[in-house]
């Protein structure tokens, strides 16, 4: 799995971090980040749900 965050689209709603906190966090400005070492989703089944929860569809999840 490969996770991409469109930093130009992210509005910092935090839905990804709430949905899959073992994979996503928010930086000091409130924008989405993938946690270090979790770039592949870490096997978390909620990663795709986090992408769906994003109100501006800033997250892309692709199969590797």
C-alpha atoms as a PDB file:
ATOM      1  CA  UNK A   1       0.000   0.000   0.000  1.00  0.00           C
ATOM      2  CA  UNK A   2       1.203   3.512  -0.774  1.00  0.00           C
ATOM      3  CA  UNK A   3      -0.267   6.597   0.892  1.00  0.00           C
ATOM      4  CA  UNK A   4       0.003  10.046  -0.675  1.00  0.00           C
ATOM      5  CA  UNK A   5      -1.161  13.313   0.889  1.00  0.00           C
ATOM      6  CA  UNK A   6      -1.839  16.273  -1.390  1.00  0.00           C
ATOM      7  CA  UNK A   7      -0.463  19.055   0.821  1.00  0.00           C
ATOM      8  CA  UNK A   8      -2.026  21.679  -1.458  1.00  0.00           C
ATOM      9  CA  UNK A   9      -5.508  20.253  -0.892  1.00  0.00           C
ATOM     10  CA  UNK A  10      -5.301  19.340   2.808  1.00  0.00           C
ATOM     11  CA  UNK A  11      -7.327  21.713   5.001  1.00  0.00           C
ATOM     12  CA  UNK A  12      -6.329  20.155   8.321  1.00  0.00           C
ATOM     13  CA  UNK A  13      -9.718  18.745   9.289  1.00  0.00           C
ATOM     14  CA  UNK A  14      -7.972  15.872  11.073  1.00  0.00           C
ATOM     15  CA  UNK A  15     -10.393  13.182   9.936  1.00  0.00           C
ATOM     16  CA  UNK A  16      -7.507  10.949   8.857  1.00  0.00           C
ATOM     17  CA  UNK A  17      -5.800  11.193  12.245  1.00  0.00           C
ATOM     18  CA  UNK A  18      -9.089  10.484  14.026  1.00  0.00           C
ATOM     19  CA  UNK A  19      -9.905   7.521  11.786  1.00  0.00           C
ATOM     20  CA  UNK A  20      -6.449   5.891  11.607  1.00  0.00           C
ATOM     21  CA  UNK A  21      -4.322   7.366  14.421  1.00  0.00           C
ATOM     22  CA  UNK A  22      -1.691   4.642  14.099  1.00  0.00           C
ATOM     23  CA  UNK A  23      -0.891   5.905  10.587  1.00  0.00           C
ATOM     24  CA  UNK A  24      -1.749   9.621  10.446  1.00  0.00           C
ATOM     25  CA  UNK A  25      -0.994  12.632  12.583  1.00  0.00           C
ATOM     26  CA  UNK A  26      -1.141  16.390  12.149  1.00  0.00           C
ATOM     27  CA  UNK A  27       1.901  18.643  11.883  1.00  0.00           C
ATOM     28  CA  UNK A  28       2.417  21.816  13.911  1.00  0.00           C
ATOM     29  CA  UNK A  29       0.200  23.733  11.481  1.00  0.00           C
ATOM     30  CA  UNK A  30      -2.592  21.146  11.723  1.00  0.00           C
ATOM     31  CA  UNK A  31      -2.070  19.525   8.336  1.00  0.00           C
ATOM     32  CA  UNK A  32      -2.021  15.792   7.738  1.00  0.00           C
ATOM     33  CA  UNK A  33       1.162  13.737   7.874  1.00  0.00           C
ATOM     34  CA  UNK A  34       1.902  10.043   7.692  1.00  0.00           C
ATOM     35  CA  UNK A  35       3.714   8.871  10.801  1.00  0.00           C
ATOM     36  CA  UNK A  36       7.350   7.838  10.239  1.00  0.00           C
ATOM     37  CA  UNK A  37       7.585   4.172   9.329  1.00  0.00           C
ATOM     38  CA  UNK A  38       3.889   4.000   8.392  1.00  0.00           C
ATOM     39  CA  UNK A  39       4.207   5.045   4.749  1.00  0.00           C
ATOM     40  CA  UNK A  40       2.857   1.617   3.767  1.00  0.00           C
ATOM     41  CA  UNK A  41      -0.150   1.895   6.083  1.00  0.00           C
ATOM     42  CA  UNK A  42       1.307  -0.419   8.685  1.00  0.00           C
ATOM     43  CA  UNK A  43      -1.380  -2.994   7.973  1.00  0.00           C
ATOM     44  CA  UNK A  44      -4.055  -0.742   9.479  1.00  0.00           C
ATOM     45  CA  UNK A  45      -7.435  -1.643   7.959  1.00  0.00           C
ATOM     46  CA  UNK A  46      -8.721   1.892   8.618  1.00  0.00           C
ATOM     47  CA  UNK A  47      -6.367   3.613   6.143  1.00  0.00           C
ATOM     48  CA  UNK A  48      -8.836   3.408   3.262  1.00  0.00           C
ATOM     49  CA  UNK A  49     -11.645   4.619   5.519  1.00  0.00           C
ATOM     50  CA  UNK A  50      -9.448   7.568   6.526  1.00  0.00           C
ATOM     51  CA  UNK A  51      -9.016   8.454   2.845  1.00  0.00           C
ATOM     52  CA  UNK A  52     -12.790   8.280   2.349  1.00  0.00           C
ATOM     53  CA  UNK A  53     -13.342  10.458   5.438  1.00  0.00           C
ATOM     54  CA  UNK A  54     -11.198  13.295   4.098  1.00  0.00           C
ATOM     55  CA  UNK A  55     -13.592  16.129   3.200  1.00  0.00           C
ATOM     56  CA  UNK A  56     -11.334  17.399   0.388  1.00  0.00           C
ATOM     57  CA  UNK A  57     -10.044  14.000  -0.777  1.00  0.00           C
ATOM     58  CA  UNK A  58      -6.416  14.954  -0.091  1.00  0.00           C
ATOM     59  CA  UNK A  59      -5.437  11.339   0.604  1.00  0.00           C
ATOM     60  CA  UNK A  60      -4.684   8.739  -2.032  1.00  0.00           C
ATOM     61  CA  UNK A  61      -4.240   5.070  -1.125  1.00  0.00           C
ATOM     62  CA  UNK A  62      -2.825   2.812  -3.801  1.00  0.00           C
ATOM     63  CA  UNK A  63      -1.986  -0.867  -3.735  1.00  0.00           C
ATOM     64  CA  UNK A  64       1.745  -1.463  -4.042  1.00  0.00           C
END
